[in-house]
C-alpha atoms as a PDB file:
ATOM      1  CA  MET A   1     129.025  84.087  87.812  1.00  0.00           C
ATOM      2  CA  ALA A   2     128.943  85.623  91.279  1.00  0.00           C
ATOM      3  CA  PHE A   3     127.364  89.020  91.789  1.00  0.00           C
ATOM      4  CA  ASP A   4     128.037  91.519  94.568  1.00  0.00           C
ATOM      5  CA  TYR A   5     124.400  92.619  94.426  1.00  0.00           C
ATOM      6  CA  LEU A   6     121.428  90.416  93.694  1.00  0.00           C
ATOM      7  CA  VAL A   7     117.922  91.694  92.982  1.00  0.00           C
ATOM      8  CA  ILE A   8     115.291  89.007  93.486  1.00  0.00           C
ATOM      9  CA  SER A   9     111.764  89.191  92.098  1.00  0.00           C
ATOM     10  CA  THR A  10     109.603  86.834  94.169  1.00  0.00           C
ATOM     11  CA  SER A  11     106.335  87.332  92.296  1.00  0.00           C
ATOM     12  CA  LEU A  12     104.949  84.533  90.186  1.00  0.00           C
ATOM     13  CA  ASN A  13     102.514  86.888  88.424  1.00  0.00           C
ATOM     14  CA  PRO A  14     103.745  87.779  84.890  1.00  0.00           C
ATOM     15  CA  GLY A  15     102.349  91.336  85.158  1.00  0.00           C
ATOM     16  CA  SER A  16     103.662  91.919  88.666  1.00  0.00           C
ATOM     17  CA  ASN A  17     104.194  95.445  89.934  1.00  0.00           C
ATOM     18  CA  SER A  18     106.842  94.210  92.372  1.00  0.00           C
ATOM     19  CA  ARG A  19     108.783  92.817  89.390  1.00  0.00           C
ATOM     20  CA  LYS A  20     108.664  96.317  87.871  1.00  0.00           C
ATOM     21  CA  LEU A  21     110.212  97.633  91.095  1.00  0.00           C
ATOM     22  CA  ALA A  22     112.852  94.890  90.985  1.00  0.00           C
ATOM     23  CA  LYS A  23     113.754  95.690  87.387  1.00  0.00           C
ATOM     24  CA  ALA A  24     114.026  99.404  88.169  1.00  0.00           C
ATOM     25  CA  ALA A  25     116.372  98.694  91.104  1.00  0.00           C
ATOM     26  CA  TYR A  26     118.408  96.331  88.933  1.00  0.00           C
ATOM     27  CA  GLU A  27     118.725  98.969  86.190  1.00  0.00           C
ATOM     28  CA  GLU A  28     119.822 101.555  88.750  1.00  0.00           C
ATOM     29  CA  LEU A  29     122.442  99.267  90.297  1.00  0.00           C
ATOM     30  CA  LYS A  30     123.846  98.004  87.005  1.00  0.00           C
ATOM     31  CA  LYS A  31     124.984 101.536  86.137  1.00  0.00           C
ATOM     32  CA  THR A  32     127.872 101.129  88.579  1.00  0.00           C
ATOM     33  CA  GLU A  33     127.768  97.686  90.197  1.00  0.00           C
ATOM     34  CA  ASN A  34     128.217  93.971  89.544  1.00  0.00           C
ATOM     35  CA  VAL A  35     124.547  93.004  89.885  1.00  0.00           C
ATOM     36  CA  GLY A  36     122.441  89.987  89.015  1.00  0.00           C
ATOM     37  CA  PHE A  37     118.694  89.595  88.578  1.00  0.00           C
ATOM     38  CA  LEU A  38     116.956  86.499  89.872  1.00  0.00           C
ATOM     39  CA  ASP A  39     113.326  85.984  88.894  1.00  0.00           C
ATOM     40  CA  LEU A  40     111.489  83.179  90.694  1.00  0.00           C
ATOM     41  CA  GLN A  41     109.395  82.706  87.556  1.00  0.00           C
ATOM     42  CA  GLU A  42     112.549  81.334  85.934  1.00  0.00           C
ATOM     43  CA  TYR A  43     113.423  79.084  88.883  1.00  0.00           C
ATOM     44  CA  PRO A  44     110.408  76.976  89.865  1.00  0.00           C
ATOM     45  CA  LEU A  45     110.974  75.975  93.475  1.00  0.00           C
ATOM     46  CA  PRO A  46     109.388  73.122  95.379  1.00  0.00           C
ATOM     47  CA  LEU A  47     107.488  73.826  98.574  1.00  0.00           C
ATOM     48  CA  CYS A  48     109.735  73.562 101.590  1.00  0.00           C
ATOM     49  CA  ASP A  49     109.139  70.184 103.181  1.00  0.00           C
ATOM     50  CA  GLY A  50     112.155  70.309 105.484  1.00  0.00           C
ATOM     51  CA  ASN A  51     113.625  67.280 103.740  1.00  0.00           C
ATOM     52  CA  ALA A  52     113.966  66.360 100.055  1.00  0.00           C
ATOM     53  CA  CYS A  53     113.331  69.905  98.819  1.00  0.00           C
ATOM     54  CA  TYR A  54     116.907  70.975  99.597  1.00  0.00           C
ATOM     55  CA  GLY A  55     118.258  68.589  96.964  1.00  0.00           C
ATOM     56  CA  ASP A  56     116.278  70.291  94.178  1.00  0.00           C
ATOM     57  CA  LYS A  57     118.565  71.661  91.431  1.00  0.00           C
ATOM     58  CA  ASN A  58     116.844  75.079  91.383  1.00  0.00           C
ATOM     59  CA  VAL A  59     117.015  75.388  95.171  1.00  0.00           C
ATOM     60  CA  GLN A  60     120.748  74.691  95.092  1.00  0.00           C
ATOM     61  CA  GLU A  61     121.345  77.174  92.262  1.00  0.00           C
ATOM     62  CA  VAL A  62     119.297  79.943  93.895  1.00  0.00           C
ATOM     63  CA  ALA A  63     120.951  79.325  97.283  1.00  0.00           C
ATOM     64  CA  LYS A  64     124.375  79.606  95.652  1.00  0.00           C
ATOM     65  CA  LYS A  65     123.494  82.948  94.051  1.00  0.00           C
ATOM     66  CA  ILE A  66     122.220  84.281  97.383  1.00  0.00           C
ATOM     67  CA  LYS A  67     125.251  83.005  99.288  1.00  0.00           C
ATOM     68  CA  GLU A  68     127.694  84.616  96.842  1.00  0.00           C
ATOM     69  CA  ALA A  69     126.053  88.065  96.930  1.00  0.00           C
ATOM     70  CA  LYS A  70     126.944  90.557  99.631  1.00  0.00           C
ATOM     71  CA  CYS A  71     123.716  92.539  99.232  1.00  0.00           C
ATOM     72  CA  ILE A  72     120.240  91.385  98.265  1.00  0.00           C
ATOM     73  CA  LEU A  73     117.265  93.501  97.278  1.00  0.00           C
ATOM     74  CA  MET A  74     114.108  91.429  97.514  1.00  0.00           C
ATOM     75  CA  ALA A  75     111.040  92.577  95.586  1.00  0.00           C
ATOM     76  CA  ALA A  76     107.784  91.117  96.841  1.00  0.00           C
ATOM     77  CA  PRO A  77     104.100  91.618  96.332  1.00  0.00           C
ATOM     78  CA  ILE A  78     102.071  92.014  99.501  1.00  0.00           C
ATOM     79  CA  TYR A  79      98.963  89.867  99.836  1.00  0.00           C
ATOM     80  CA  ASN A  80      96.924  89.651 103.036  1.00  0.00           C
ATOM     81  CA  TYR A  81      99.397  91.840 104.951  1.00  0.00           C
ATOM     82  CA  TYR A  82     102.436  89.663 104.228  1.00  0.00           C
ATOM     83  CA  ILE A  83     104.861  88.910 101.438  1.00  0.00           C
ATOM     84  CA  THR A  84     103.663  86.129  99.171  1.00  0.00           C
ATOM     85  CA  ALA A  85     104.209  82.472  99.978  1.00  0.00           C
ATOM     86  CA  ALA A  86     106.773  82.270  97.157  1.00  0.00           C
ATOM     87  CA  GLY A  87     108.985  84.811  98.947  1.00  0.00           C
ATOM     88  CA  LYS A  88     108.677  83.113 102.310  1.00  0.00           C
ATOM     89  CA  ASN A  89     109.290  79.727 100.689  1.00  0.00           C
ATOM     90  CA  LEU A  90     112.462  81.119  99.068  1.00  0.00           C
ATOM     91  CA  ILE A  91     113.841  82.072 102.476  1.00  0.00           C
ATOM     92  CA  GLU A  92     112.848  78.723 103.995  1.00  0.00           C
ATOM     93  CA  LEU A  93     114.558  76.823 101.167  1.00  0.00           C
ATOM     94  CA  THR A  94     117.760  78.868 101.121  1.00  0.00           C
ATOM     95  CA  GLY A  95     118.038  79.699 104.852  1.00  0.00           C
ATOM     96  CA  ARG A  96     121.698  79.898 105.800  1.00  0.00           C
ATOM     97  CA  ALA A  97     122.663  81.340 102.408  1.00  0.00           C
ATOM     98  CA  TRP A  98     121.246  84.620 103.761  1.00  0.00           C
ATOM     99  CA  THR A  99     123.707  84.740 106.670  1.00  0.00           C
ATOM    100  CA  ASP A 100     125.403  88.117 107.154  1.00  0.00           C
ATOM    101  CA  LYS A 101     123.860  89.770 104.069  1.00  0.00           C
ATOM    102  CA  VAL A 102     122.781  93.363 103.657  1.00  0.00           C
ATOM    103  CA  VAL A 103     119.103  93.111 102.667  1.00  0.00           C
ATOM    104  CA  GLY A 104     116.621  95.642 101.333  1.00  0.00           C
ATOM    105  CA  PHE A 105     112.997  95.384 100.246  1.00  0.00           C
ATOM    106  CA  LEU A 106     110.830  96.644  97.405  1.00  0.00           C
ATOM    107  CA  CYS A 107     107.125  95.947  97.941  1.00  0.00           C
ATOM    108  CA  ALA A 108     104.016  96.406  95.836  1.00  0.00           C
ATOM    109  CA  ALA A 109     100.544  96.278  97.332  1.00  0.00           C
ATOM    110  CA  GLY A 110      97.027  97.299  96.535  1.00  0.00           C
ATOM    111  CA  GLY A 111      96.759  99.989  99.201  1.00  0.00           C
ATOM    112  CA  ARG A 112      98.433 101.833 102.050  1.00  0.00           C
ATOM    113  CA  ALA A 113      97.241  99.622 104.906  1.00  0.00           C
ATOM    114  CA  SER A 114      99.942  96.952 104.628  1.00  0.00           C
ATOM    115  CA  TYR A 115     103.032  99.144 104.455  1.00  0.00           C
ATOM    116  CA  MET A 116     104.631  97.421 107.471  1.00  0.00           C
ATOM    117  CA  SER A 117     104.037  93.891 106.157  1.00  0.00           C
ATOM    118  CA  VAL A 118     107.690  93.313 105.338  1.00  0.00           C
ATOM    119  CA  MET A 119     108.746  93.710 108.981  1.00  0.00           C
ATOM    120  CA  ASN A 120     108.083  90.062 109.900  1.00  0.00           C
ATOM    121  CA  VAL A 121     110.430  88.950 107.135  1.00  0.00           C
ATOM    122  CA  ALA A 122     112.993  91.605 108.036  1.00  0.00           C
ATOM    123  CA  ASN A 123     112.935  90.521 111.688  1.00  0.00           C
ATOM    124  CA  SER A 124     113.320  86.879 110.728  1.00  0.00           C
ATOM    125  CA  LEU A 125     116.291  87.588 108.458  1.00  0.00           C
ATOM    126  CA  MET A 126     117.870  89.817 111.077  1.00  0.00           C
ATOM    127  CA  LEU A 127     117.417  87.432 114.000  1.00  0.00           C
ATOM    128  CA  ASP A 128     117.845  84.064 112.264  1.00  0.00           C
ATOM    129  CA  PHE A 129     120.624  84.944 109.818  1.00  0.00           C
ATOM    130  CA  ARG A 130     122.171  88.144 111.219  1.00  0.00           C
ATOM    131  CA  CYS A 131     121.258  90.139 108.127  1.00  0.00           C
ATOM    132  CA  LEU A 132     121.732  93.868 108.183  1.00  0.00           C
ATOM    133  CA  ILE A 133     118.384  95.280 107.085  1.00  0.00           C
ATOM    134  CA  ILE A 134     118.490  98.528 105.129  1.00  0.00           C
ATOM    135  CA  PRO A 135     116.374 100.942 107.213  1.00  0.00           C
ATOM    136  CA  ARG A 136     114.405 102.201 104.242  1.00  0.00           C
ATOM    137  CA  PHE A 137     112.389 100.255 101.743  1.00  0.00           C
ATOM    138  CA  VAL A 138     110.254 100.970  98.734  1.00  0.00           C
ATOM    139  CA  TYR A 139     106.525 100.494  99.158  1.00  0.00           C
ATOM    140  CA  ALA A 140     104.342 101.232  96.160  1.00  0.00           C
ATOM    141  CA  GLU A 141     100.596 101.051  95.719  1.00  0.00           C
ATOM    142  CA  GLY A 142      98.886 100.028  92.500  1.00  0.00           C
ATOM    143  CA  SER A 143      98.284 103.691  91.644  1.00  0.00           C
ATOM    144  CA  SER A 144     102.070 104.138  91.187  1.00  0.00           C
ATOM    145  CA  PHE A 145     102.022 102.071  87.983  1.00  0.00           C
ATOM    146  CA  THR A 146     100.641 102.507  84.492  1.00  0.00           C
ATOM    147  CA  GLY A 147     100.921  99.441  82.298  1.00  0.00           C
ATOM    148  CA  PRO A 148     104.542  98.278  82.261  1.00  0.00           C
ATOM    149  CA  ASP A 149     105.859 101.511  83.793  1.00  0.00           C
ATOM    150  CA  ILE A 150     106.349 103.109  87.181  1.00  0.00           C
ATOM    151  CA  HIS A 151     104.953 106.613  86.742  1.00  0.00           C
ATOM    152  CA  ASP A 152     105.179 107.819  90.354  1.00  0.00           C
ATOM    153  CA  GLU A 153     108.264 110.051  90.630  1.00  0.00           C
ATOM    154  CA  GLU A 154     108.433 109.618  94.408  1.00  0.00           C
ATOM    155  CA  ILE A 155     108.692 105.833  93.981  1.00  0.00           C
ATOM    156  CA  LYS A 156     111.433 106.270  91.376  1.00  0.00           C
ATOM    157  CA  THR A 157     113.324 108.496  93.825  1.00  0.00           C
ATOM    158  CA  ARG A 158     112.887 105.950  96.620  1.00  0.00           C
ATOM    159  CA  ILE A 159     114.314 103.218  94.382  1.00  0.00           C
ATOM    160  CA  VAL A 160     117.418 105.338  93.788  1.00  0.00           C
ATOM    161  CA  GLU A 161     117.678 106.043  97.528  1.00  0.00           C
ATOM    162  CA  LEU A 162     117.367 102.343  98.345  1.00  0.00           C
ATOM    163  CA  THR A 163     120.087 101.371  95.872  1.00  0.00           C
ATOM    164  CA  GLN A 164     122.354 104.120  97.227  1.00  0.00           C
ATOM    165  CA  ALA A 165     121.780 102.871 100.783  1.00  0.00           C
ATOM    166  CA  ALA A 166     122.485  99.313  99.627  1.00  0.00           C
ATOM    167  CA  LYS A 167     125.801 100.376  98.116  1.00  0.00           C
ATOM    168  CA  THR A 168     126.819 102.420 101.142  1.00  0.00           C
ATOM    169  CA  LEU A 169     125.929  99.769 103.702  1.00  0.00           C
ATOM    170  CA  SER A 170     127.395  96.856 101.804  1.00  0.00           C
ATOM    171  CA  ARG A 171     130.678  98.722 101.323  1.00  0.00           C
ATOM    172  CA  THR A 172     131.101 100.175 104.803  1.00  0.00           C
ATOM    173  CA  ALA A 173     129.170  98.097 107.293  1.00  0.00           C
ATOM    174  CA  THR A 174     130.058  94.505 106.661  1.00  0.00           C
ATOM    175  CA  ILE A 175     128.745  92.176 109.305  1.00  0.00           C
ATOM    176  CA  GLU A 176     132.275  91.065 110.162  1.00  0.00           C
ATOM    177  CA  ALA A 177     133.338  94.678 110.773  1.00  0.00           C
ATOM    178  CA  LEU A 178     130.313  95.288 112.988  1.00  0.00           C
ATOM    179  CA  VAL A 179     131.041  92.193 115.058  1.00  0.00           C
ATOM    180  CA  LYS A 180     134.708  93.120 115.506  1.00  0.00           C
ATOM    181  CA  SER A 181     134.074  96.767 116.451  1.00  0.00           C
END
C-alpha cells in the first residue's frame, strides 16, 4: 500500500528516543492523513557497497515505499555530531527514490551541542535529489524523555508544528509546481 506520508525510524536501538519521536509524529499524522511507519529494525539493510546491495529484497521494498510517498519525516539519533550510519546508509541505498520529496527531520541526541547535525543530510537530499526540506525540525535531548514517553511539552508542540508544516508544504509546494513557476 502506498502512503502519502512516510515516517521513518532509522535507529537500530530498541529503546531509541528518536523512535519515540517518530511514533509521536506518526500518531499525529494518522489523525488526518494516509501515513505509513517504516522502522529500520524491521528491515535489515545491507551496507551500501555500490553494487550487489541494490538487489537486496529489503532495499527494494524500502526504496519503493520512499518513492511512493510525497512527504517523508526521518527520525534519527545523533551520534558524534551526525545522524547514525544506518540513516546515511538508508539514503545511499535508496538514493533516487528520494527525488522531489518534501522531507522533515526529528532528531534525538544526548545534549544541545549537535543541534545542527542534520544539516549535512538535509543539504545532500536537497542538492542531490531536489528535496524540499521543511525549514523546522524537532531536536530533543535525553532530558525530554522519561521511560517510553516524551514528557517535554515543547517537544510535543514542535512535533505537531512539524507535521503541520509537512502537510502544508506537501499539499501546496510540490516540486513540479516550484519548477514551473
